[in-house]
Amino acid sequence: MRPWYRFCLAAARWILRILASMRVVGVEHVPRDRNYILASNHYSFLEPPILAVAGHLELYFLAKSALFRIPVLGP
């Protein structure tokens, strides 16, 4: 994992642990040996960090280009 991603993941994990309890179900069905697309329904703005914390691999996000211009989210 890239150092910046690892730092953001640790920060998100810490913040989410304070704000909400979380239970991950079915992570054993996520392939670790090949690529895949994880699509979500955008239940809330917290969804991307929750997905990142729930997974055990580095995720790459596809989003509107304006979102990547925000200094914290861009990298």
C-alpha atoms as a PDB file:
ATOM      1  CA  MET A   1       0.000   0.000   0.000  1.00  0.00           C
ATOM      2  CA  ARG A   2       1.149   3.533  -0.725  1.00  0.00           C
ATOM      3  CA  PRO A   3       2.124   5.503   2.421  1.00  0.00           C
ATOM      4  CA  TRP A   4      -0.498   8.258   1.864  1.00  0.00           C
ATOM      5  CA  TYR A   5      -3.240   5.666   1.365  1.00  0.00           C
ATOM      6  CA  ARG A   6      -2.130   3.809   4.491  1.00  0.00           C
ATOM      7  CA  PHE A   7      -2.204   7.054   6.515  1.00  0.00           C
ATOM      8  CA  CYS A   8      -5.674   8.022   5.232  1.00  0.00           C
ATOM      9  CA  LEU A   9      -6.942   4.517   5.895  1.00  0.00           C
ATOM     10  CA  ALA A  10      -5.686   4.612   9.494  1.00  0.00           C
ATOM     11  CA  ALA A  11      -7.246   8.054  10.025  1.00  0.00           C
ATOM     12  CA  ALA A  12     -10.579   6.927   8.536  1.00  0.00           C
ATOM     13  CA  ARG A  13     -10.539   3.773  10.663  1.00  0.00           C
ATOM     14  CA  TRP A  14      -9.923   5.838  13.809  1.00  0.00           C
ATOM     15  CA  ILE A  15     -12.647   8.396  12.974  1.00  0.00           C
ATOM     16  CA  LEU A  16     -15.201   5.734  12.013  1.00  0.00           C
ATOM     17  CA  ARG A  17     -14.489   3.804  15.201  1.00  0.00           C
ATOM     18  CA  ILE A  18     -15.439   6.923  17.180  1.00  0.00           C
ATOM     19  CA  LEU A  19     -18.498   7.878  15.095  1.00  0.00           C
ATOM     20  CA  ALA A  20     -20.110   4.527  14.392  1.00  0.00           C
ATOM     21  CA  SER A  21     -19.936   0.839  15.033  1.00  0.00           C
ATOM     22  CA  MET A  22     -19.344  -1.246  11.964  1.00  0.00           C
ATOM     23  CA  ARG A  23     -19.705  -4.926  11.160  1.00  0.00           C
ATOM     24  CA  VAL A  24     -18.291  -6.336   7.931  1.00  0.00           C
ATOM     25  CA  VAL A  25     -20.023  -9.384   6.479  1.00  0.00           C
ATOM     26  CA  GLY A  26     -18.963 -11.367   3.419  1.00  0.00           C
ATOM     27  CA  VAL A  27     -15.417 -10.059   3.033  1.00  0.00           C
ATOM     28  CA  GLU A  28     -14.299 -13.643   2.425  1.00  0.00           C
ATOM     29  CA  HIS A  29     -16.076 -13.522  -0.944  1.00  0.00           C
ATOM     30  CA  VAL A  30     -13.926 -10.636  -2.227  1.00  0.00           C
ATOM     31  CA  PRO A  31     -11.198 -11.978  -4.546  1.00  0.00           C
ATOM     32  CA  ARG A  32      -7.635 -11.247  -3.453  1.00  0.00           C
ATOM     33  CA  ASP A  33      -5.922 -12.782  -6.481  1.00  0.00           C
ATOM     34  CA  ARG A  34      -7.570 -10.814  -9.311  1.00  0.00           C
ATOM     35  CA  ASN A  35      -9.077  -7.448 -10.161  1.00  0.00           C
ATOM     36  CA  TYR A  36     -12.730  -6.641  -9.606  1.00  0.00           C
ATOM     37  CA  ILE A  37     -15.162  -3.752  -9.646  1.00  0.00           C
ATOM     38  CA  LEU A  38     -16.898  -2.825  -6.414  1.00  0.00           C
ATOM     39  CA  ALA A  39     -20.006  -0.750  -7.108  1.00  0.00           C
ATOM     40  CA  SER A  40     -22.001   0.883  -4.336  1.00  0.00           C
ATOM     41  CA  ASN A  41     -25.314   2.709  -4.116  1.00  0.00           C
ATOM     42  CA  HIS A  42     -24.052   5.947  -2.510  1.00  0.00           C
ATOM     43  CA  TYR A  43     -26.034   5.616   0.661  1.00  0.00           C
ATOM     44  CA  SER A  44     -24.112   8.533   2.195  1.00  0.00           C
ATOM     45  CA  PHE A  45     -20.996  10.658   1.788  1.00  0.00           C
ATOM     46  CA  LEU A  46     -19.241   8.341   4.254  1.00  0.00           C
ATOM     47  CA  GLU A  47     -19.509   5.412   1.893  1.00  0.00           C
ATOM     48  CA  PRO A  48     -16.034   5.658   0.261  1.00  0.00           C
ATOM     49  CA  PRO A  49     -14.136   5.714   3.578  1.00  0.00           C
ATOM     50  CA  ILE A  50     -16.324   2.928   4.946  1.00  0.00           C
ATOM     51  CA  LEU A  51     -15.625   0.757   1.896  1.00  0.00           C
ATOM     52  CA  ALA A  52     -11.905   1.464   2.175  1.00  0.00           C
ATOM     53  CA  VAL A  53     -11.817   0.584   5.882  1.00  0.00           C
ATOM     54  CA  ALA A  54     -13.891  -2.569   5.373  1.00  0.00           C
ATOM     55  CA  GLY A  55     -11.611  -3.892   2.651  1.00  0.00           C
ATOM     56  CA  HIS A  56      -8.151  -5.291   3.162  1.00  0.00           C
ATOM     57  CA  LEU A  57      -6.694  -4.129  -0.136  1.00  0.00           C
ATOM     58  CA  GLU A  58      -5.925  -0.722  -1.612  1.00  0.00           C
ATOM     59  CA  LEU A  59      -8.931   0.562  -3.542  1.00  0.00           C
ATOM     60  CA  TYR A  60      -8.917   2.902  -6.530  1.00  0.00           C
ATOM     61  CA  PHE A  61     -11.889   5.229  -6.754  1.00  0.00           C
ATOM     62  CA  LEU A  62     -13.670   6.489  -9.834  1.00  0.00           C
ATOM     63  CA  ALA A  63     -15.355   9.838  -9.254  1.00  0.00           C
ATOM     64  CA  LYS A  64     -16.300  13.140 -10.800  1.00  0.00           C
ATOM     65  CA  SER A  65     -13.136  15.062 -11.807  1.00  0.00           C
ATOM     66  CA  ALA A  66     -14.027  18.035  -9.578  1.00  0.00           C
ATOM     67  CA  LEU A  67     -13.759  15.796  -6.516  1.00  0.00           C
ATOM     68  CA  PHE A  68     -10.080  15.104  -7.212  1.00  0.00           C
ATOM     69  CA  ARG A  69      -9.292  18.845  -7.138  1.00  0.00           C
ATOM     70  CA  ILE A  70      -9.968  18.921  -3.384  1.00  0.00           C
ATOM     71  CA  PRO A  71      -6.511  18.847  -1.723  1.00  0.00           C
ATOM     72  CA  VAL A  72      -7.378  16.182   0.867  1.00  0.00           C
ATOM     73  CA  LEU A  73      -9.236  13.866  -1.522  1.00  0.00           C
ATOM     74  CA  GLY A  74      -7.186  14.367  -4.679  1.00  0.00           C
ATOM     75  CA  PRO A  75      -4.131  12.258  -3.801  1.00  0.00           C
END
